[in-house]
N, C-alpha and C. Protein backbone atom coordinates (compact mmCIF):
# COMPACT_ATOMS: atom_id res chain seq x y z
N MET A 1 -16.21 31.38 -90.01
CA MET A 1 -16.72 30.16 -89.64
C MET A 1 -18.25 30.30 -89.62
N SER A 2 -18.88 29.18 -90.13
CA SER A 2 -20.40 29.35 -90.27
C SER A 2 -20.92 28.38 -89.16
N ARG A 3 -22.26 28.44 -88.79
CA ARG A 3 -22.88 27.78 -87.87
C ARG A 3 -22.85 26.35 -88.45
N GLY A 4 -22.64 25.45 -87.46
CA GLY A 4 -22.68 24.07 -87.62
C GLY A 4 -21.29 23.47 -87.67
N GLU A 5 -20.35 24.39 -88.09
CA GLU A 5 -18.96 23.80 -87.99
C GLU A 5 -18.43 23.42 -86.75
N LYS A 6 -17.68 22.25 -86.73
CA LYS A 6 -17.10 21.96 -85.31
C LYS A 6 -15.64 22.09 -85.43
N LEU A 7 -15.04 22.73 -84.39
CA LEU A 7 -13.62 22.88 -84.38
C LEU A 7 -12.91 21.66 -83.72
N ASP A 8 -11.73 21.32 -84.14
CA ASP A 8 -11.02 20.22 -83.60
C ASP A 8 -9.93 20.85 -82.74
N ILE A 9 -9.88 21.04 -81.52
CA ILE A 9 -9.11 21.63 -80.65
C ILE A 9 -8.22 20.69 -80.14
N PHE A 10 -7.02 20.78 -80.00
CA PHE A 10 -5.71 19.94 -79.80
C PHE A 10 -5.31 20.63 -78.52
N ILE A 11 -5.18 20.17 -77.53
CA ILE A 11 -4.55 20.81 -76.27
C ILE A 11 -3.19 20.43 -76.13
N GLY A 12 -2.74 19.21 -76.34
CA GLY A 12 -1.42 18.78 -76.41
C GLY A 12 -0.96 17.58 -75.52
N ALA A 13 -1.87 17.28 -74.76
CA ALA A 13 -1.50 16.14 -73.89
C ALA A 13 -2.56 14.77 -74.37
N THR A 14 -2.03 13.78 -74.16
CA THR A 14 -2.66 12.55 -74.54
C THR A 14 -2.60 11.56 -73.26
N ILE A 15 -3.26 10.51 -73.41
CA ILE A 15 -3.17 9.48 -72.42
C ILE A 15 -1.71 8.94 -72.41
N GLU A 16 -1.33 8.54 -73.39
CA GLU A 16 0.05 8.19 -73.49
C GLU A 16 1.19 8.98 -72.89
N ASP A 17 0.85 10.22 -72.54
CA ASP A 17 1.92 11.20 -72.05
C ASP A 17 1.96 10.90 -70.51
N GLY A 18 1.27 10.01 -69.96
CA GLY A 18 1.20 9.88 -68.40
C GLY A 18 -0.05 10.18 -67.78
N TRP A 19 -0.96 10.78 -68.57
CA TRP A 19 -2.19 11.16 -68.08
C TRP A 19 -3.17 9.77 -67.79
N ALA A 20 -3.88 9.91 -66.70
CA ALA A 20 -4.77 8.81 -66.57
C ALA A 20 -5.96 9.21 -65.94
N LYS A 21 -7.11 8.60 -66.38
CA LYS A 21 -8.48 9.09 -65.90
C LYS A 21 -8.55 8.40 -64.35
N ILE A 22 -9.06 9.34 -63.47
CA ILE A 22 -8.99 8.77 -62.12
C ILE A 22 -10.50 8.54 -61.79
N GLU A 23 -11.02 7.49 -61.39
CA GLU A 23 -12.10 7.14 -61.07
C GLU A 23 -12.53 6.69 -59.81
N SER A 24 -13.16 7.60 -58.99
CA SER A 24 -13.27 7.30 -57.61
C SER A 24 -14.87 6.75 -57.09
N PRO A 25 -15.07 5.88 -56.45
CA PRO A 25 -16.30 5.41 -56.30
C PRO A 25 -17.24 6.80 -55.64
N ARG A 26 -18.38 6.57 -56.01
CA ARG A 26 -19.43 7.72 -55.54
C ARG A 26 -19.60 7.72 -53.96
N LYS A 27 -19.36 8.75 -53.34
CA LYS A 27 -19.49 8.62 -51.89
C LYS A 27 -20.97 9.11 -51.46
N SER A 28 -21.60 8.30 -50.82
CA SER A 28 -23.05 8.61 -50.53
C SER A 28 -23.01 8.87 -49.01
N SER A 29 -24.02 9.81 -48.57
CA SER A 29 -24.03 9.95 -47.06
C SER A 29 -24.52 8.86 -46.33
N LEU A 30 -25.40 7.77 -47.15
CA LEU A 30 -25.94 6.79 -46.40
C LEU A 30 -25.34 5.35 -47.29
N ASP A 31 -25.21 4.32 -46.33
CA ASP A 31 -25.17 3.07 -46.99
C ASP A 31 -26.25 2.62 -47.74
N ASP A 32 -26.22 1.40 -48.25
CA ASP A 32 -27.29 0.81 -48.99
C ASP A 32 -28.04 0.17 -47.94
N THR A 33 -27.77 -0.02 -46.55
CA THR A 33 -28.40 -0.84 -45.64
C THR A 33 -29.82 -0.19 -45.25
N LEU A 34 -30.77 -0.95 -45.20
CA LEU A 34 -32.09 -0.53 -44.83
C LEU A 34 -32.16 -0.54 -43.22
N LEU A 35 -32.88 0.48 -42.65
CA LEU A 35 -33.14 0.55 -41.35
C LEU A 35 -34.49 0.51 -40.95
N GLU A 36 -34.88 0.08 -39.69
CA GLU A 36 -36.18 0.11 -39.41
C GLU A 36 -36.58 1.42 -38.75
N PRO A 37 -37.54 1.81 -38.68
CA PRO A 37 -37.94 3.35 -38.23
C PRO A 37 -37.23 3.83 -36.97
N SER A 38 -37.20 3.00 -35.92
CA SER A 38 -36.70 3.25 -34.57
C SER A 38 -35.17 3.32 -34.66
N LYS A 39 -34.54 3.15 -35.80
CA LYS A 39 -33.08 3.16 -35.90
C LYS A 39 -32.71 4.45 -36.56
N HIS A 40 -33.61 5.17 -36.99
CA HIS A 40 -33.27 6.39 -37.81
C HIS A 40 -33.23 7.63 -37.00
N PHE A 41 -32.27 8.48 -37.21
CA PHE A 41 -32.12 9.66 -36.57
C PHE A 41 -32.14 10.98 -37.62
N LEU A 42 -33.29 11.26 -37.79
CA LEU A 42 -33.57 12.20 -38.85
C LEU A 42 -33.32 13.85 -38.44
N LEU A 43 -33.26 14.79 -39.45
CA LEU A 43 -33.03 15.96 -39.38
C LEU A 43 -34.08 16.70 -40.01
N PHE A 44 -34.29 17.95 -39.85
CA PHE A 44 -34.88 18.86 -40.33
C PHE A 44 -34.21 20.05 -41.09
N LYS A 45 -34.60 20.41 -42.24
CA LYS A 45 -33.84 21.54 -42.92
C LYS A 45 -35.03 22.30 -43.59
N LYS A 46 -34.76 23.79 -43.60
CA LYS A 46 -35.69 24.52 -44.20
C LYS A 46 -35.00 25.43 -45.44
N GLU A 47 -35.87 25.36 -46.46
CA GLU A 47 -35.09 26.11 -47.69
C GLU A 47 -36.16 26.89 -48.25
N LYS A 48 -35.76 27.91 -48.92
CA LYS A 48 -36.68 28.75 -49.74
C LYS A 48 -36.51 28.45 -51.14
N ARG A 49 -37.53 28.27 -51.95
CA ARG A 49 -37.56 28.07 -53.21
C ARG A 49 -38.65 29.05 -53.97
N ARG A 50 -38.25 29.66 -55.02
CA ARG A 50 -39.12 30.65 -55.64
C ARG A 50 -39.84 31.46 -54.46
N GLY A 51 -39.50 31.85 -53.25
CA GLY A 51 -40.22 32.45 -52.34
C GLY A 51 -40.92 31.91 -51.50
N LYS A 52 -41.00 30.57 -51.60
CA LYS A 52 -41.85 29.72 -50.88
C LYS A 52 -41.03 28.96 -49.77
N THR A 53 -41.59 28.43 -48.62
CA THR A 53 -40.66 27.82 -47.65
C THR A 53 -41.05 26.26 -47.95
N VAL A 54 -39.92 25.51 -47.99
CA VAL A 54 -40.02 24.12 -48.17
C VAL A 54 -39.27 23.43 -46.89
N THR A 55 -39.98 22.48 -46.29
CA THR A 55 -39.30 21.63 -45.01
C THR A 55 -39.00 20.51 -45.71
N LEU A 56 -37.72 20.02 -45.41
CA LEU A 56 -37.07 18.82 -45.68
C LEU A 56 -36.69 18.12 -44.25
N VAL A 57 -37.09 16.68 -44.50
CA VAL A 57 -36.75 15.76 -43.27
C VAL A 57 -35.96 14.49 -44.05
N GLY A 58 -35.03 14.10 -43.22
CA GLY A 58 -34.26 12.96 -43.70
C GLY A 58 -33.02 12.84 -42.92
N PRO A 59 -32.08 11.89 -43.14
CA PRO A 59 -32.23 10.93 -44.41
C PRO A 59 -32.89 9.83 -44.08
N PHE A 60 -33.69 9.21 -45.15
CA PHE A 60 -34.50 7.76 -44.61
C PHE A 60 -33.45 6.76 -45.22
N ALA A 61 -33.58 5.74 -44.62
CA ALA A 61 -32.91 4.37 -45.24
C ALA A 61 -33.91 3.28 -45.03
N LEU A 62 -34.93 3.48 -45.85
CA LEU A 62 -35.97 2.67 -46.09
C LEU A 62 -36.05 2.18 -47.51
N ASN A 63 -36.83 1.12 -47.86
CA ASN A 63 -36.91 0.92 -49.29
C ASN A 63 -37.63 1.93 -49.82
N LYS A 64 -37.69 1.93 -51.15
CA LYS A 64 -38.52 3.00 -51.97
C LYS A 64 -39.89 2.73 -51.74
N ASN A 65 -40.64 1.52 -51.87
CA ASN A 65 -42.17 1.47 -51.55
C ASN A 65 -42.48 1.94 -50.43
N ASP A 66 -41.70 1.57 -49.23
CA ASP A 66 -42.03 2.20 -47.97
C ASP A 66 -42.05 3.45 -47.87
N THR A 67 -40.90 4.00 -48.34
CA THR A 67 -40.76 5.71 -48.23
C THR A 67 -41.99 6.11 -48.91
N GLU A 68 -42.29 5.86 -50.17
CA GLU A 68 -43.33 6.19 -50.85
C GLU A 68 -44.74 6.15 -50.19
N GLU A 69 -45.00 5.14 -49.49
CA GLU A 69 -46.16 5.02 -48.75
C GLU A 69 -46.37 5.81 -47.61
N LEU A 70 -45.17 5.93 -46.84
CA LEU A 70 -45.17 6.72 -45.79
C LEU A 70 -45.41 8.40 -46.08
N LEU A 71 -44.68 8.67 -47.27
CA LEU A 71 -44.91 10.15 -47.70
C LEU A 71 -46.32 10.38 -48.22
N LYS A 72 -47.05 9.39 -48.66
CA LYS A 72 -48.43 9.51 -49.22
C LYS A 72 -49.29 9.58 -47.95
N ARG A 73 -49.13 8.84 -46.91
CA ARG A 73 -49.90 9.15 -45.77
C ARG A 73 -49.60 10.42 -44.81
N ILE A 74 -48.43 10.75 -44.89
CA ILE A 74 -48.16 12.08 -44.29
C ILE A 74 -48.68 13.20 -44.97
N LYS A 75 -48.49 13.29 -46.37
CA LYS A 75 -49.13 14.25 -47.09
C LYS A 75 -50.73 14.44 -47.05
N LYS A 76 -51.24 13.17 -47.02
CA LYS A 76 -52.85 13.18 -46.72
C LYS A 76 -52.91 14.03 -45.29
N LYS A 77 -52.27 13.46 -44.21
CA LYS A 77 -52.71 14.02 -43.03
C LYS A 77 -52.52 15.42 -42.77
N LEU A 78 -51.27 15.90 -43.52
CA LEU A 78 -51.04 17.37 -43.46
C LEU A 78 -51.51 18.26 -44.47
N GLY A 79 -52.41 17.51 -45.50
CA GLY A 79 -52.96 18.28 -46.65
C GLY A 79 -52.04 19.31 -47.49
N CYS A 80 -50.80 18.79 -47.76
CA CYS A 80 -49.90 19.43 -48.38
C CYS A 80 -49.07 18.59 -49.49
N GLY A 81 -48.59 19.28 -50.36
CA GLY A 81 -47.70 18.61 -51.47
C GLY A 81 -46.30 18.13 -50.87
N GLY A 82 -45.68 17.60 -51.62
CA GLY A 82 -44.39 16.95 -51.27
C GLY A 82 -43.98 15.93 -52.28
N SER A 83 -42.55 15.43 -52.03
CA SER A 83 -42.08 14.53 -52.95
C SER A 83 -40.60 13.88 -52.02
N TYR A 84 -40.11 12.94 -52.66
CA TYR A 84 -39.20 12.34 -51.96
C TYR A 84 -37.90 12.25 -53.08
N LYS A 85 -36.69 12.80 -52.58
CA LYS A 85 -35.63 13.11 -53.32
C LYS A 85 -34.33 12.69 -52.73
N GLU A 86 -33.44 11.85 -53.03
CA GLU A 86 -32.31 11.34 -52.56
C GLU A 86 -32.29 11.12 -50.87
N PHE A 87 -33.01 10.37 -50.53
CA PHE A 87 -32.96 10.14 -49.05
C PHE A 87 -33.71 11.18 -48.25
N TRP A 88 -34.27 12.23 -48.74
CA TRP A 88 -34.83 13.34 -48.07
C TRP A 88 -36.33 13.37 -48.65
N MET A 89 -37.32 13.73 -47.63
CA MET A 89 -38.44 14.07 -48.00
C MET A 89 -38.82 15.47 -47.96
N GLU A 90 -39.52 16.23 -48.97
CA GLU A 90 -39.66 17.61 -49.13
C GLU A 90 -41.13 17.80 -49.04
N PHE A 91 -41.50 18.76 -47.99
CA PHE A 91 -42.99 19.10 -47.96
C PHE A 91 -43.02 20.65 -48.27
N GLN A 92 -44.27 20.89 -48.87
CA GLN A 92 -44.43 22.52 -49.26
C GLN A 92 -45.11 23.14 -47.88
N GLY A 93 -44.33 24.03 -47.48
CA GLY A 93 -44.56 24.93 -46.26
C GLY A 93 -43.64 24.67 -45.10
N GLU A 94 -43.95 25.38 -44.17
CA GLU A 94 -43.17 25.29 -42.97
C GLU A 94 -43.87 24.33 -41.69
N LEU A 95 -43.57 23.17 -41.71
CA LEU A 95 -44.48 22.11 -40.97
C LEU A 95 -43.62 21.14 -40.12
N LYS A 96 -42.50 21.90 -39.48
CA LYS A 96 -41.60 21.04 -38.78
C LYS A 96 -42.33 20.46 -37.52
N ASP A 97 -43.11 21.28 -36.78
CA ASP A 97 -43.58 20.83 -35.58
C ASP A 97 -44.78 19.55 -35.84
N LYS A 98 -45.67 19.82 -36.83
CA LYS A 98 -46.54 18.83 -37.22
C LYS A 98 -45.95 17.40 -37.75
N LEU A 99 -44.69 17.65 -38.54
CA LEU A 99 -44.07 16.60 -39.11
C LEU A 99 -43.42 15.75 -38.13
N ARG A 100 -42.77 16.39 -36.95
CA ARG A 100 -42.18 15.74 -35.83
C ARG A 100 -43.30 14.84 -35.31
N GLU A 101 -44.41 15.23 -35.10
CA GLU A 101 -45.52 14.56 -34.29
C GLU A 101 -45.82 13.34 -35.06
N LEU A 102 -46.16 13.55 -36.26
CA LEU A 102 -46.41 12.35 -37.16
C LEU A 102 -45.23 11.27 -37.36
N LEU A 103 -44.22 11.78 -37.50
CA LEU A 103 -43.00 10.71 -37.63
C LEU A 103 -42.82 10.26 -36.26
N VAL A 104 -42.91 10.75 -35.18
CA VAL A 104 -42.68 10.04 -33.86
C VAL A 104 -43.88 8.96 -33.68
N GLN A 105 -45.10 9.16 -34.27
CA GLN A 105 -46.01 8.30 -34.00
C GLN A 105 -45.86 7.19 -35.06
N GLU A 106 -44.96 7.29 -36.03
CA GLU A 106 -44.40 6.31 -37.00
C GLU A 106 -43.19 5.60 -36.33
N ASN A 107 -42.85 5.89 -35.02
CA ASN A 107 -41.46 5.36 -34.50
C ASN A 107 -40.20 5.86 -34.88
N PHE A 108 -40.24 6.96 -35.61
CA PHE A 108 -38.99 7.51 -35.99
C PHE A 108 -38.40 8.44 -34.95
N ARG A 109 -37.18 8.56 -34.90
CA ARG A 109 -36.39 9.26 -33.78
C ARG A 109 -35.66 10.48 -34.57
N PHE A 110 -35.46 11.55 -33.78
CA PHE A 110 -34.85 12.72 -34.24
C PHE A 110 -33.37 13.06 -33.56
N LYS A 111 -32.51 13.54 -34.10
CA LYS A 111 -31.40 13.97 -33.34
C LYS A 111 -31.79 15.20 -32.49
N ASN A 112 -30.83 15.23 -31.29
CA ASN A 112 -31.17 15.99 -30.27
C ASN A 112 -31.26 17.59 -30.56
N THR A 113 -30.44 18.00 -31.46
CA THR A 113 -30.38 19.44 -32.04
C THR A 113 -31.74 19.99 -32.44
N HIS A 114 -32.60 18.88 -32.97
CA HIS A 114 -33.92 19.50 -33.57
C HIS A 114 -34.94 18.80 -32.80
């Protein structure tokens, strides 16, 4: 067999044999509902990435523009890098205490365990 040839592998089952594709709706941890800051209950997570600490805070239920503005303001106040991915804000460094103060000033709340 040379490079570039494709093999046609037949396993033996077909859709007509009673097999069906099962499609389930994607389950998200958050609804598509938008909340005001005082209705949020945020969590902190700490991860190591390439030997460096990353602080995650979320989940946020704001529209994307408001979240990006908030992220930009916080990064400027902290003097660090960060991003927003899948309802969570990520910040470079271990910044839990400083982040809590800034987000409380923005009227966000936290779960009691954090």
